Amino acid sequence: MTATAIADTAGFCALLEDELGIRLTPEDLDRPLDEVAEWDSVHLLRLVTVVESVTGRRVPVAGLLEAATFQQMYEVVRA
């Protein structure tokens, strides 16, 4: 997977599915995280690791911790 994998929301959804096993569509990204049964803190750590590996840059974890939706997470990792 390359940095272009998170160039858009569809790529971010593909990353979530391929790396974390969480299947979402771009339309699902605004759902609150607590409505996604598969989501937990271990997935957050894995997401940080995967995104940092793919992009080659650090992810602001504090921003991810404050995110209430995957859309907000996407915006943090794209910033």
PDB file of N, CA and C in Angstrom:
ATOM      1  N   MET A   1       0.856  -1.171   0.000  1.00  0.00           N
ATOM      2  CA  MET A   1       0.000   0.000   0.000  1.00  0.00           C
ATOM      3  C   MET A   1       0.903   1.236   0.000  1.00  0.00           C
ATOM      4  N   THR A   2       0.495   2.282  -0.715  1.00  0.00           N
ATOM      5  CA  THR A   2       1.297   3.499  -0.805  1.00  0.00           C
ATOM      6  C   THR A   2       0.525   4.681  -0.235  1.00  0.00           C
ATOM      7  N   ALA A   3       1.209   5.835  -0.146  1.00  0.00           N
ATOM      8  CA  ALA A   3       0.580   7.041   0.403  1.00  0.00           C
ATOM      9  C   ALA A   3      -0.658   7.435  -0.384  1.00  0.00           C
ATOM     10  N   THR A   4      -0.702   7.104  -1.665  1.00  0.00           N
ATOM     11  CA  THR A   4      -1.881   7.432  -2.457  1.00  0.00           C
ATOM     12  C   THR A   4      -3.097   6.637  -1.993  1.00  0.00           C
ATOM     13  N   ALA A   5      -2.870   5.607  -1.174  1.00  0.00           N
ATOM     14  CA  ALA A   5      -3.978   4.800  -0.668  1.00  0.00           C
ATOM     15  C   ALA A   5      -4.928   5.620   0.187  1.00  0.00           C
ATOM     16  N   ILE A   6      -4.435   6.707   0.766  1.00  0.00           N
ATOM     17  CA  ILE A   6      -5.321   7.541   1.584  1.00  0.00           C
ATOM     18  C   ILE A   6      -5.547   8.907   0.927  1.00  0.00           C
ATOM     19  N   ALA A   7      -5.372   8.960  -0.386  1.00  0.00           N
ATOM     20  CA  ALA A   7      -5.565  10.213  -1.118  1.00  0.00           C
ATOM     21  C   ALA A   7      -7.027  10.636  -1.150  1.00  0.00           C
ATOM     22  N   ASP A   8      -7.927   9.689  -0.985  1.00  0.00           N
ATOM     23  CA  ASP A   8      -9.360  10.015  -0.961  1.00  0.00           C
ATOM     24  C   ASP A   8     -10.060   9.084   0.026  1.00  0.00           C
ATOM     25  N   THR A   9     -11.336   9.366   0.262  1.00  0.00           N
ATOM     26  CA  THR A   9     -12.062   8.588   1.266  1.00  0.00           C
ATOM     27  C   THR A   9     -12.241   7.129   0.856  1.00  0.00           C
ATOM     28  N   ALA A  10     -12.361   6.873  -0.438  1.00  0.00           N
ATOM     29  CA  ALA A  10     -12.492   5.483  -0.891  1.00  0.00           C
ATOM     30  C   ALA A  10     -11.216   4.707  -0.561  1.00  0.00           C
ATOM     31  N   GLY A  11     -10.068   5.332  -0.745  1.00  0.00           N
ATOM     32  CA  GLY A  11      -8.802   4.693  -0.409  1.00  0.00           C
ATOM     33  C   GLY A  11      -8.672   4.471   1.087  1.00  0.00           C
ATOM     34  N   PHE A  12      -9.143   5.439   1.870  1.00  0.00           N
ATOM     35  CA  PHE A  12      -9.115   5.300   3.322  1.00  0.00           C
ATOM     36  C   PHE A  12      -9.995   4.132   3.755  1.00  0.00           C
ATOM     37  N   CYS A  13     -11.158   3.998   3.137  1.00  0.00           N
ATOM     38  CA  CYS A  13     -12.050   2.864   3.439  1.00  0.00           C
ATOM     39  C   CYS A  13     -11.379   1.544   3.069  1.00  0.00           C
ATOM     40  N   ALA A  14     -10.690   1.511   1.935  1.00  0.00           N
ATOM     41  CA  ALA A  14      -9.991   0.298   1.515  1.00  0.00           C
ATOM     42  C   ALA A  14      -8.890  -0.049   2.519  1.00  0.00           C
ATOM     43  N   LEU A  15      -8.173   0.957   3.006  1.00  0.00           N
ATOM     44  CA  LEU A  15      -7.143   0.735   4.013  1.00  0.00           C
ATOM     45  C   LEU A  15      -7.752   0.163   5.286  1.00  0.00           C
ATOM     46  N   LEU A  16      -8.879   0.721   5.732  1.00  0.00           N
ATOM     47  CA  LEU A  16      -9.555   0.212   6.927  1.00  0.00           C
ATOM     48  C   LEU A  16      -9.941  -1.252   6.759  1.00  0.00           C
ATOM     49  N   GLU A  17     -10.435  -1.590   5.582  1.00  0.00           N
ATOM     50  CA  GLU A  17     -10.845  -2.977   5.353  1.00  0.00           C
ATOM     51  C   GLU A  17      -9.639  -3.908   5.222  1.00  0.00           C
ATOM     52  N   ASP A  18      -8.671  -3.517   4.401  1.00  0.00           N
ATOM     53  CA  ASP A  18      -7.517  -4.384   4.150  1.00  0.00           C
ATOM     54  C   ASP A  18      -6.653  -4.596   5.382  1.00  0.00           C
ATOM     55  N   GLU A  19      -6.444  -3.540   6.142  1.00  0.00           N
ATOM     56  CA  GLU A  19      -5.502  -3.607   7.257  1.00  0.00           C
ATOM     57  C   GLU A  19      -6.157  -3.895   8.609  1.00  0.00           C
ATOM     58  N   LEU A  20      -7.415  -3.461   8.766  1.00  0.00           N
ATOM     59  CA  LEU A  20      -8.074  -3.607  10.067  1.00  0.00           C
ATOM     60  C   LEU A  20      -9.292  -4.525  10.034  1.00  0.00           C
ATOM     61  N   GLY A  21      -9.743  -4.891   8.841  1.00  0.00           N
ATOM     62  CA  GLY A  21     -10.902  -5.758   8.734  1.00  0.00           C
ATOM     63  C   GLY A  21     -12.220  -5.049   9.010  1.00  0.00           C
ATOM     64  N   ILE A  22     -12.214  -3.720   8.905  1.00  0.00           N
ATOM     65  CA  ILE A  22     -13.430  -2.925   9.137  1.00  0.00           C
ATOM     66  C   ILE A  22     -13.940  -2.453   7.789  1.00  0.00           C
ATOM     67  N   ARG A  23     -15.103  -2.951   7.409  1.00  0.00           N
ATOM     68  CA  ARG A  23     -15.670  -2.633   6.096  1.00  0.00           C
ATOM     69  C   ARG A  23     -16.608  -1.438   6.210  1.00  0.00           C
ATOM     70  N   LEU A  24     -16.219  -0.341   5.556  1.00  0.00           N
ATOM     71  CA  LEU A  24     -17.025   0.875   5.508  1.00  0.00           C
ATOM     72  C   LEU A  24     -17.025   1.412   4.088  1.00  0.00           C
ATOM     73  N   THR A  25     -18.043   2.167   3.756  1.00  0.00           N
ATOM     74  CA  THR A  25     -18.065   2.906   2.500  1.00  0.00           C
ATOM     75  C   THR A  25     -17.803   4.374   2.835  1.00  0.00           C
ATOM     76  N   PRO A  26     -17.453   5.190   1.842  1.00  0.00           N
ATOM     77  CA  PRO A  26     -17.273   6.615   2.127  1.00  0.00           C
ATOM     78  C   PRO A  26     -18.500   7.243   2.798  1.00  0.00           C
ATOM     79  N   GLU A  27     -19.681   6.738   2.493  1.00  0.00           N
ATOM     80  CA  GLU A  27     -20.904   7.264   3.098  1.00  0.00           C
ATOM     81  C   GLU A  27     -20.992   6.921   4.588  1.00  0.00           C
ATOM     82  N   ASP A  28     -20.294   5.859   5.016  1.00  0.00           N
ATOM     83  CA  ASP A  28     -20.308   5.437   6.423  1.00  0.00           C
ATOM     84  C   ASP A  28     -19.359   6.241   7.304  1.00  0.00           C
ATOM     85  N   LEU A  29     -18.480   7.020   6.714  1.00  0.00           N
ATOM     86  CA  LEU A  29     -17.424   7.672   7.482  1.00  0.00           C
ATOM     87  C   LEU A  29     -17.940   8.656   8.520  1.00  0.00           C
ATOM     88  N   ASP A  30     -19.159   9.168   8.345  1.00  0.00           N
ATOM     89  CA  ASP A  30     -19.718  10.112   9.314  1.00  0.00           C
ATOM     90  C   ASP A  30     -20.436   9.424  10.480  1.00  0.00           C
ATOM     91  N   ARG A  31     -20.487   8.104  10.461  1.00  0.00           N
ATOM     92  CA  ARG A  31     -21.099   7.385  11.592  1.00  0.00           C
ATOM     93  C   ARG A  31     -20.236   7.558  12.829  1.00  0.00           C
ATOM     94  N   PRO A  32     -20.837   7.754  13.989  1.00  0.00           N
ATOM     95  CA  PRO A  32     -20.052   7.832  15.223  1.00  0.00           C
ATOM     96  C   PRO A  32     -19.264   6.532  15.437  1.00  0.00           C
ATOM     97  N   LEU A  33     -18.049   6.661  15.929  1.00  0.00           N
ATOM     98  CA  LEU A  33     -17.196   5.487  16.144  1.00  0.00           C
ATOM     99  C   LEU A  33     -17.849   4.467  17.065  1.00  0.00           C
ATOM    100  N   ASP A  34     -18.601   4.931  18.043  1.00  0.00           N
ATOM    101  CA  ASP A  34     -19.219   3.987  18.977  1.00  0.00           C
ATOM    102  C   ASP A  34     -20.361   3.186  18.352  1.00  0.00           C
ATOM    103  N   GLU A  35     -20.744   3.526  17.125  1.00  0.00           N
ATOM    104  CA  GLU A  35     -21.747   2.741  16.399  1.00  0.00           C
ATOM    105  C   GLU A  35     -21.114   1.654  15.525  1.00  0.00           C
ATOM    106  N   VAL A  36     -19.787   1.629  15.466  1.00  0.00           N
ATOM    107  CA  VAL A  36     -19.079   0.625  14.668  1.00  0.00           C
ATOM    108  C   VAL A  36     -18.574  -0.436  15.636  1.00  0.00           C
ATOM    109  N   ALA A  37     -19.265  -1.566  15.657  1.00  0.00           N
ATOM    110  CA  ALA A  37     -19.010  -2.607  16.658  1.00  0.00           C
ATOM    111  C   ALA A  37     -17.564  -3.100  16.638  1.00  0.00           C
ATOM    112  N   GLU A  38     -16.946  -3.124  15.472  1.00  0.00           N
ATOM    113  CA  GLU A  38     -15.583  -3.654  15.355  1.00  0.00           C
ATOM    114  C   GLU A  38     -14.523  -2.699  15.897  1.00  0.00           C
ATOM    115  N   TRP A  39     -14.843  -1.425  16.059  1.00  0.00           N
ATOM    116  CA  TRP A  39     -13.848  -0.415  16.418  1.00  0.00           C
ATOM    117  C   TRP A  39     -13.487  -0.476  17.896  1.00  0.00           C
ATOM    118  N   ASP A  40     -12.186  -0.471  18.185  1.00  0.00           N
ATOM    119  CA  ASP A  40     -11.713  -0.390  19.567  1.00  0.00           C
ATOM    120  C   ASP A  40     -10.334   0.260  19.584  1.00  0.00           C
ATOM    121  N   SER A  41      -9.770   0.416  20.775  1.00  0.00           N
ATOM    122  CA  SER A  41      -8.503   1.118  20.922  1.00  0.00           C
ATOM    123  C   SER A  41      -7.343   0.384  20.249  1.00  0.00           C
ATOM    124  N   VAL A  42      -7.416  -0.920  20.158  1.00  0.00           N
ATOM    125  CA  VAL A  42      -6.366  -1.675  19.467  1.00  0.00           C
ATOM    126  C   VAL A  42      -6.360  -1.314  17.990  1.00  0.00           C
ATOM    127  N   HIS A  43      -7.555  -1.147  17.414  1.00  0.00           N
ATOM    128  CA  HIS A  43      -7.635  -0.733  16.015  1.00  0.00           C
ATOM    129  C   HIS A  43      -7.043   0.661  15.828  1.00  0.00           C
ATOM    130  N   LEU A  44      -7.238   1.534  16.801  1.00  0.00           N
ATOM    131  CA  LEU A  44      -6.662   2.881  16.719  1.00  0.00           C
ATOM    132  C   LEU A  44      -5.139   2.793  16.629  1.00  0.00           C
ATOM    133  N   LEU A  45      -4.541   1.985  17.486  1.00  0.00           N
ATOM    134  CA  LEU A  45      -3.086   1.831  17.453  1.00  0.00           C
ATOM    135  C   LEU A  45      -2.618   1.240  16.133  1.00  0.00           C
ATOM    136  N   ARG A  46      -3.343   0.266  15.652  1.00  0.00           N
ATOM    137  CA  ARG A  46      -2.992  -0.347  14.356  1.00  0.00           C
ATOM    138  C   ARG A  46      -3.131   0.665  13.234  1.00  0.00           C
ATOM    139  N   LEU A  47      -4.178   1.487  13.271  1.00  0.00           N
ATOM    140  CA  LEU A  47      -4.370   2.515  12.246  1.00  0.00           C
ATOM    141  C   LEU A  47      -3.191   3.477  12.230  1.00  0.00           C
ATOM    142  N   VAL A  48      -2.757   3.908  13.394  1.00  0.00           N
ATOM    143  CA  VAL A  48      -1.606   4.811  13.482  1.00  0.00           C
ATOM    144  C   VAL A  48      -0.383   4.157  12.831  1.00  0.00           C
ATOM    145  N   THR A  49      -0.118   2.921  13.191  1.00  0.00           N
ATOM    146  CA  THR A  49       1.039   2.201  12.656  1.00  0.00           C
ATOM    147  C   THR A  49       0.968   2.073  11.138  1.00  0.00           C
ATOM    148  N   VAL A  50      -0.190   1.693  10.633  1.00  0.00           N
ATOM    149  CA  VAL A  50      -0.358   1.491   9.189  1.00  0.00           C
ATOM    150  C   VAL A  50      -0.211   2.815   8.448  1.00  0.00           C
ATOM    151  N   VAL A  51      -0.875   3.854   8.915  1.00  0.00           N
ATOM    152  CA  VAL A  51      -0.812   5.147   8.220  1.00  0.00           C
ATOM    153  C   VAL A  51       0.612   5.694   8.246  1.00  0.00           C
ATOM    154  N   GLU A  52       1.294   5.566   9.369  1.00  0.00           N
ATOM    155  CA  GLU A  52       2.676   6.044   9.432  1.00  0.00           C
ATOM    156  C   GLU A  52       3.567   5.258   8.478  1.00  0.00           C
ATOM    157  N   SER A  53       3.325   3.971   8.381  1.00  0.00           N
ATOM    158  CA  SER A  53       4.098   3.138   7.457  1.00  0.00           C
ATOM    159  C   SER A  53       3.820   3.513   5.999  1.00  0.00           C
ATOM    160  N   VAL A  54       2.560   3.746   5.689  1.00  0.00           N
ATOM    161  CA  VAL A  54       2.162   4.065   4.317  1.00  0.00           C
ATOM    162  C   VAL A  54       2.645   5.450   3.893  1.00  0.00           C
ATOM    163  N   THR A  55       2.534   6.417   4.789  1.00  0.00           N
ATOM    164  CA  THR A  55       2.861   7.799   4.425  1.00  0.00           C
ATOM    165  C   THR A  55       4.300   8.191   4.724  1.00  0.00           C
ATOM    166  N   GLY A  56       4.944   7.472   5.625  1.00  0.00           N
ATOM    167  CA  GLY A  56       6.298   7.826   6.002  1.00  0.00           C
ATOM    168  C   GLY A  56       6.378   9.032   6.921  1.00  0.00           C
ATOM    169  N   ARG A  57       5.253   9.406   7.497  1.00  0.00           N
ATOM    170  CA  ARG A  57       5.254  10.542   8.424  1.00  0.00           C
ATOM    171  C   ARG A  57       4.436  10.195   9.662  1.00  0.00           C
ATOM    172  N   ARG A  58       4.714  10.930  10.725  1.00  0.00           N
ATOM    173  CA  ARG A  58       4.017  10.678  11.994  1.00  0.00           C
ATOM    174  C   ARG A  58       2.568  11.152  11.926  1.00  0.00           C
ATOM    175  N   VAL A  59       1.728  10.434  12.622  1.00  0.00           N
ATOM    176  CA  VAL A  59       0.310  10.776  12.709  1.00  0.00           C
ATOM    177  C   VAL A  59       0.064  11.437  14.067  1.00  0.00           C
ATOM    178  N   PRO A  60      -0.639  12.575  14.080  1.00  0.00           N
ATOM    179  CA  PRO A  60      -0.948  13.221  15.362  1.00  0.00           C
ATOM    180  C   PRO A  60      -2.003  12.417  16.137  1.00  0.00           C
ATOM    181  N   VAL A  61      -1.531  11.577  17.043  1.00  0.00           N
ATOM    182  CA  VAL A  61      -2.400  10.662  17.772  1.00  0.00           C
ATOM    183  C   VAL A  61      -3.455  11.425  18.572  1.00  0.00           C
ATOM    184  N   ALA A  62      -3.088  12.564  19.127  1.00  0.00           N
ATOM    185  CA  ALA A  62      -4.059  13.348  19.906  1.00  0.00           C
ATOM    186  C   ALA A  62      -5.275  13.695  19.049  1.00  0.00           C
ATOM    187  N   GLY A  63      -5.048  14.032  17.794  1.00  0.00           N
ATOM    188  CA  GLY A  63      -6.155  14.337  16.891  1.00  0.00           C
ATOM    189  C   GLY A  63      -7.046  13.139  16.655  1.00  0.00           C
ATOM    190  N   LEU A  64      -6.436  11.963  16.539  1.00  0.00           N
ATOM    191  CA  LEU A  64      -7.230  10.746  16.355  1.00  0.00           C
ATOM    192  C   LEU A  64      -8.039  10.429  17.604  1.00  0.00           C
ATOM    193  N   LEU A  65      -7.443  10.652  18.763  1.00  0.00           N
ATOM    194  CA  LEU A  65      -8.160  10.382  20.010  1.00  0.00           C
ATOM    195  C   LEU A  65      -9.369  11.294  20.183  1.00  0.00           C
ATOM    196  N   GLU A  66      -9.308  12.491  19.631  1.00  0.00           N
ATOM    197  CA  GLU A  66     -10.419  13.440  19.723  1.00  0.00           C
ATOM    198  C   GLU A  66     -11.493  13.198  18.669  1.00  0.00           C
ATOM    199  N   ALA A  67     -11.167  12.423  17.642  1.00  0.00           N
ATOM    200  CA  ALA A  67     -12.108  12.180  16.549  1.00  0.00           C
ATOM    201  C   ALA A  67     -13.313  11.370  17.027  1.00  0.00           C
ATOM    202  N   ALA A  68     -14.484  11.771  16.569  1.00  0.00           N
ATOM    203  CA  ALA A  68     -15.719  11.070  16.921  1.00  0.00           C
ATOM    204  C   ALA A  68     -16.235  10.219  15.766  1.00  0.00           C
ATOM    205  N   THR A  69     -15.669  10.431  14.561  1.00  0.00           N
ATOM    206  CA  THR A  69     -16.088   9.687  13.367  1.00  0.00           C
ATOM    207  C   THR A  69     -14.841   9.308  12.565  1.00  0.00           C
ATOM    208  N   PHE A  70     -15.013   8.370  11.643  1.00  0.00           N
ATOM    209  CA  PHE A  70     -13.911   8.021  10.748  1.00  0.00           C
ATOM    210  C   PHE A  70     -13.601   9.173   9.801  1.00  0.00           C
ATOM    211  N   GLN A  71     -14.576   9.980   9.461  1.00  0.00           N
ATOM    212  CA  GLN A  71     -14.328  11.150   8.619  1.00  0.00           C
ATOM    213  C   GLN A  71     -13.349  12.094   9.320  1.00  0.00           C
ATOM    214  N   GLN A  72     -13.569  12.315  10.598  1.00  0.00           N
ATOM    215  CA  GLN A  72     -12.648  13.167  11.347  1.00  0.00           C
ATOM    216  C   GLN A  72     -11.265  12.524  11.417  1.00  0.00           C
ATOM    217  N   MET A  73     -11.202  11.222  11.556  1.00  0.00           N
ATOM    218  CA  MET A  73      -9.914  10.528  11.543  1.00  0.00           C
ATOM    219  C   MET A  73      -9.220  10.701  10.195  1.00  0.00           C
ATOM    220  N   TYR A  74      -9.981  10.551   9.132  1.00  0.00           N
ATOM    221  CA  TYR A  74      -9.427  10.736   7.791  1.00  0.00           C
ATOM    222  C   TYR A  74      -8.834  12.132   7.649  1.00  0.00           C
ATOM    223  N   GLU A  75      -9.541  13.130   8.140  1.00  0.00           N
ATOM    224  CA  GLU A  75      -9.048  14.499   8.045  1.00  0.00           C
ATOM    225  C   GLU A  75      -7.753  14.684   8.839  1.00  0.00           C
ATOM    226  N   VAL A  76      -7.639  14.001   9.978  1.00  0.00           N
ATOM    227  CA  VAL A  76      -6.399  14.075  10.773  1.00  0.00           C
ATOM    228  C   VAL A  76      -5.239  13.430  10.023  1.00  0.00           C
ATOM    229  N   VAL A  77      -5.441  12.252   9.468  1.00  0.00           N
ATOM    230  CA  VAL A  77      -4.327  11.561   8.809  1.00  0.00           C
ATOM    231  C   VAL A  77      -3.942  12.227   7.489  1.00  0.00           C
ATOM    232  N   ARG A  78      -4.865  12.957   6.881  1.00  0.00           N
ATOM    233  CA  ARG A  78      -4.570  13.673   5.633  1.00  0.00           C
ATOM    234  C   ARG A  78      -3.911  15.022   5.873  1.00  0.00           C
ATOM    235  N   ALA A  79      -4.029  15.566   7.092  1.00  0.00           N
ATOM    236  CA  ALA A  79      -3.487  16.909   7.368  1.00  0.00           C
ATOM    237  C   ALA A  79      -1.976  16.946   7.294  1.00  0.00           C
TER     238      ALA A  79
END
